[in-house]
C-alpha atoms as a PDB file:
ATOM      1  CA  UNK A   1      -0.005  -0.001   0.003  1.00  0.00           C
ATOM      2  CA  UNK A   2       1.340   3.419  -0.969  1.00  0.00           C
ATOM      3  CA  UNK A   3       0.366   6.258   1.331  1.00  0.00           C
ATOM      4  CA  UNK A   4      -0.057   9.739  -0.138  1.00  0.00           C
ATOM      5  CA  UNK A   5       0.699  11.522   3.154  1.00  0.00           C
ATOM      6  CA  UNK A   6       2.792   9.202   5.342  1.00  0.00           C
ATOM      7  CA  UNK A   7       3.584  11.704   8.119  1.00  0.00           C
ATOM      8  CA  UNK A   8      -0.040  12.664   8.730  1.00  0.00           C
ATOM      9  CA  UNK A   9      -1.080   8.999   8.460  1.00  0.00           C
ATOM     10  CA  UNK A  10       1.628   8.014  11.012  1.00  0.00           C
ATOM     11  CA  UNK A  11       0.220  10.581  13.475  1.00  0.00           C
ATOM     12  CA  UNK A  12      -3.405   9.652  12.768  1.00  0.00           C
ATOM     13  CA  UNK A  13      -2.822   5.936  13.221  1.00  0.00           C
ATOM     14  CA  UNK A  14      -0.769   6.542  16.395  1.00  0.00           C
ATOM     15  CA  UNK A  15      -3.510   8.726  17.903  1.00  0.00           C
ATOM     16  CA  UNK A  16      -6.296   6.300  17.012  1.00  0.00           C
ATOM     17  CA  UNK A  17      -4.350   3.211  18.104  1.00  0.00           C
ATOM     18  CA  UNK A  18      -4.816   1.860  14.600  1.00  0.00           C
ATOM     19  CA  UNK A  19      -1.876  -0.529  14.728  1.00  0.00           C
ATOM     20  CA  UNK A  20      -2.534  -2.032  11.280  1.00  0.00           C
ATOM     21  CA  UNK A  21      -2.706   1.470   9.764  1.00  0.00           C
ATOM     22  CA  UNK A  22       0.424   2.441  11.689  1.00  0.00           C
ATOM     23  CA  UNK A  23       2.441  -0.509  10.376  1.00  0.00           C
ATOM     24  CA  UNK A  24       1.098   0.017   6.834  1.00  0.00           C
ATOM     25  CA  UNK A  25       2.781   3.458   6.659  1.00  0.00           C
ATOM     26  CA  UNK A  26       6.205   2.047   7.661  1.00  0.00           C
ATOM     27  CA  UNK A  27       9.034   1.006   5.372  1.00  0.00           C
ATOM     28  CA  UNK A  28      10.148  -2.605   5.949  1.00  0.00           C
ATOM     29  CA  UNK A  29      13.519  -1.220   7.130  1.00  0.00           C
ATOM     30  CA  UNK A  30      11.967   1.349   9.485  1.00  0.00           C
ATOM     31  CA  UNK A  31      13.949   2.634  12.477  1.00  0.00           C
ATOM     32  CA  UNK A  32      12.208   4.365  15.376  1.00  0.00           C
ATOM     33  CA  UNK A  33      14.643   6.259  17.580  1.00  0.00           C
ATOM     34  CA  UNK A  34      12.516   6.064  20.728  1.00  0.00           C
ATOM     35  CA  UNK A  35      13.486   7.409  24.142  1.00  0.00           C
ATOM     36  CA  UNK A  36      14.045   3.856  25.361  1.00  0.00           C
ATOM     37  CA  UNK A  37      16.229   2.844  22.451  1.00  0.00           C
ATOM     38  CA  UNK A  38      16.234   2.048  18.770  1.00  0.00           C
ATOM     39  CA  UNK A  39      13.373  -0.064  17.387  1.00  0.00           C
ATOM     40  CA  UNK A  40      14.039  -1.713  14.018  1.00  0.00           C
ATOM     41  CA  UNK A  41      11.412  -3.188  11.714  1.00  0.00           C
ATOM     42  CA  UNK A  42       7.639  -3.059  11.596  1.00  0.00           C
ATOM     43  CA  UNK A  43       7.092  -5.657  14.353  1.00  0.00           C
ATOM     44  CA  UNK A  44       9.226  -3.713  16.845  1.00  0.00           C
ATOM     45  CA  UNK A  45       7.517  -0.466  15.766  1.00  0.00           C
ATOM     46  CA  UNK A  46       4.090  -2.035  16.295  1.00  0.00           C
ATOM     47  CA  UNK A  47       5.077  -3.082  19.804  1.00  0.00           C
ATOM     48  CA  UNK A  48       6.353   0.461  20.507  1.00  0.00           C
ATOM     49  CA  UNK A  49       3.035   1.979  19.353  1.00  0.00           C
ATOM     50  CA  UNK A  50       0.919  -0.436  21.416  1.00  0.00           C
ATOM     51  CA  UNK A  51      -0.389   1.276  24.510  1.00  0.00           C
ATOM     52  CA  UNK A  52      -2.036  -0.391  27.469  1.00  0.00           C
ATOM     53  CA  UNK A  53      -5.536   0.946  28.140  1.00  0.00           C
ATOM     54  CA  UNK A  54      -6.260   3.204  31.083  1.00  0.00           C
ATOM     55  CA  UNK A  55      -4.195   5.755  32.942  1.00  0.00           C
ATOM     56  CA  UNK A  56      -2.475   8.658  31.203  1.00  0.00           C
ATOM     57  CA  UNK A  57      -2.504   8.503  27.403  1.00  0.00           C
ATOM     58  CA  UNK A  58      -0.960  10.798  24.827  1.00  0.00           C
ATOM     59  CA  UNK A  59      -2.436  12.393  21.741  1.00  0.00           C
ATOM     60  CA  UNK A  60      -0.370  14.180  19.116  1.00  0.00           C
ATOM     61  CA  UNK A  61      -1.605  17.423  17.581  1.00  0.00           C
ATOM     62  CA  UNK A  62       0.183  18.489  14.411  1.00  0.00           C
ATOM     63  CA  UNK A  63       0.856  22.234  14.467  1.00  0.00           C
ATOM     64  CA  UNK A  64       3.113  22.691  11.428  1.00  0.00           C
ATOM     65  CA  UNK A  65       4.750  20.395   8.913  1.00  0.00           C
ATOM     66  CA  UNK A  66       7.963  21.087   7.009  1.00  0.00           C
ATOM     67  CA  UNK A  67       8.606  18.733   4.071  1.00  0.00           C
ATOM     68  CA  UNK A  68      11.269  18.480   1.377  1.00  0.00           C
ATOM     69  CA  UNK A  69      12.091  16.144  -1.469  1.00  0.00           C
ATOM     70  CA  UNK A  70       8.821  14.195  -1.367  1.00  0.00           C
ATOM     71  CA  UNK A  71       8.202  14.213  -5.127  1.00  0.00           C
ATOM     72  CA  UNK A  72       9.781  10.801  -5.688  1.00  0.00           C
ATOM     73  CA  UNK A  73       8.351   9.259  -2.524  1.00  0.00           C
ATOM     74  CA  UNK A  74      11.463   9.891  -0.421  1.00  0.00           C
ATOM     75  CA  UNK A  75      12.603  13.022   1.338  1.00  0.00           C
ATOM     76  CA  UNK A  76      12.335  14.268   4.869  1.00  0.00           C
ATOM     77  CA  UNK A  77       9.901  16.037   7.109  1.00  0.00           C
ATOM     78  CA  UNK A  78       9.766  17.725  10.512  1.00  0.00           C
ATOM     79  CA  UNK A  79       6.420  17.900  12.278  1.00  0.00           C
ATOM     80  CA  UNK A  80       6.067  20.509  14.989  1.00  0.00           C
ATOM     81  CA  UNK A  81       3.666  18.898  17.412  1.00  0.00           C
ATOM     82  CA  UNK A  82       1.919  19.417  20.702  1.00  0.00           C
ATOM     83  CA  UNK A  83       1.868  16.276  22.800  1.00  0.00           C
ATOM     84  CA  UNK A  84      -1.138  16.188  25.106  1.00  0.00           C
ATOM     85  CA  UNK A  85      -1.291  13.769  28.010  1.00  0.00           C
ATOM     86  CA  UNK A  86      -4.799  13.081  29.261  1.00  0.00           C
ATOM     87  CA  UNK A  87      -6.472  10.701  31.665  1.00  0.00           C
ATOM     88  CA  UNK A  88      -8.259   8.055  29.632  1.00  0.00           C
ATOM     89  CA  UNK A  89     -10.976   7.560  32.245  1.00  0.00           C
ATOM     90  CA  UNK A  90     -12.449  11.064  31.985  1.00  0.00           C
ATOM     91  CA  UNK A  91     -10.426  12.837  29.281  1.00  0.00           C
ATOM     92  CA  UNK A  92      -9.038  15.547  31.570  1.00  0.00           C
ATOM     93  CA  UNK A  93      -5.713  17.043  30.584  1.00  0.00           C
ATOM     94  CA  UNK A  94      -2.772  15.847  32.684  1.00  0.00           C
ATOM     95  CA  UNK A  95      -0.072  17.870  30.889  1.00  0.00           C
ATOM     96  CA  UNK A  96       1.135  18.990  27.483  1.00  0.00           C
ATOM     97  CA  UNK A  97       4.375  19.907  25.820  1.00  0.00           C
ATOM     98  CA  UNK A  98       5.736  21.078  22.489  1.00  0.00           C
ATOM     99  CA  UNK A  99       8.243  19.037  20.551  1.00  0.00           C
ATOM    100  CA  UNK A 100       9.158  17.936  17.038  1.00  0.00           C
ATOM    101  CA  UNK A 101       9.009  14.603  15.266  1.00  0.00           C
ATOM    102  CA  UNK A 102      11.489  14.174  12.416  1.00  0.00           C
ATOM    103  CA  UNK A 103      10.923  11.728   9.575  1.00  0.00           C
ATOM    104  CA  UNK A 104      12.927  10.288   6.731  1.00  0.00           C
ATOM    105  CA  UNK A 105      10.798   8.791   3.990  1.00  0.00           C
ATOM    106  CA  UNK A 106      11.395   6.124   1.366  1.00  0.00           C
ATOM    107  CA  UNK A 107       8.900   4.981  -1.272  1.00  0.00           C
ATOM    108  CA  UNK A 108       6.140   7.035   0.430  1.00  0.00           C
ATOM    109  CA  UNK A 109       6.650   5.263   3.726  1.00  0.00           C
ATOM    110  CA  UNK A 110       8.335   6.186   7.004  1.00  0.00           C
ATOM    111  CA  UNK A 111      11.926   4.926   6.975  1.00  0.00           C
ATOM    112  CA  UNK A 112      13.060   6.740  10.137  1.00  0.00           C
ATOM    113  CA  UNK A 113      11.319   8.559  12.986  1.00  0.00           C
ATOM    114  CA  UNK A 114      13.045  10.563  15.694  1.00  0.00           C
ATOM    115  CA  UNK A 115      11.536  12.753  18.455  1.00  0.00           C
ATOM    116  CA  UNK A 116      13.131  16.043  19.480  1.00  0.00           C
ATOM    117  CA  UNK A 117      12.421  18.007  22.643  1.00  0.00           C
ATOM    118  CA  UNK A 118      14.037  21.043  20.973  1.00  0.00           C
ATOM    119  CA  UNK A 119      12.063  22.035  17.885  1.00  0.00           C
ATOM    120  CA  UNK A 120      14.783  24.357  16.553  1.00  0.00           C
ATOM    121  CA  UNK A 121      17.350  21.560  16.779  1.00  0.00           C
ATOM    122  CA  UNK A 122      15.092  19.249  14.750  1.00  0.00           C
ATOM    123  CA  UNK A 123      14.502  21.894  12.079  1.00  0.00           C
ATOM    124  CA  UNK A 124      18.243  22.700  11.820  1.00  0.00           C
ATOM    125  CA  UNK A 125      19.208  19.046  11.787  1.00  0.00           C
ATOM    126  CA  UNK A 126      16.904  18.303   8.863  1.00  0.00           C
ATOM    127  CA  UNK A 127      17.775  21.455   6.905  1.00  0.00           C
ATOM    128  CA  UNK A 128      14.693  23.597   7.563  1.00  0.00           C
ATOM    129  CA  UNK A 129      14.589  27.147   8.795  1.00  0.00           C
ATOM    130  CA  UNK A 130      11.902  28.060  11.286  1.00  0.00           C
ATOM    131  CA  UNK A 131       9.775  30.635   9.590  1.00  0.00           C
END
């Protein structure tokens, strides 16, 4: 399956806990550079995206997306996001923070994903200027 907008689909599937949709947007050689270490391959990525029900859950809100070189299905992107943590039981907000998610794409799929606490660092690292 080719995805026309892999970054937005990655975020949508993550938010909705659509694990099949999440894996479908990943390149077979995907690498997720998670806070608890590198996850390689779709099976490891699926496990990373699986969240136990209850307690504090996160939702990702896309604020701005910088993309380059996507014409051929590759390229890179930096998503400026707001991560909202909420209590699943009643939906109340527990906390929120701003960060960036950086992506490398191959064949219209996510080849690499990396979170950044510092948005400016992510933009610089991927060749974008914050405008």
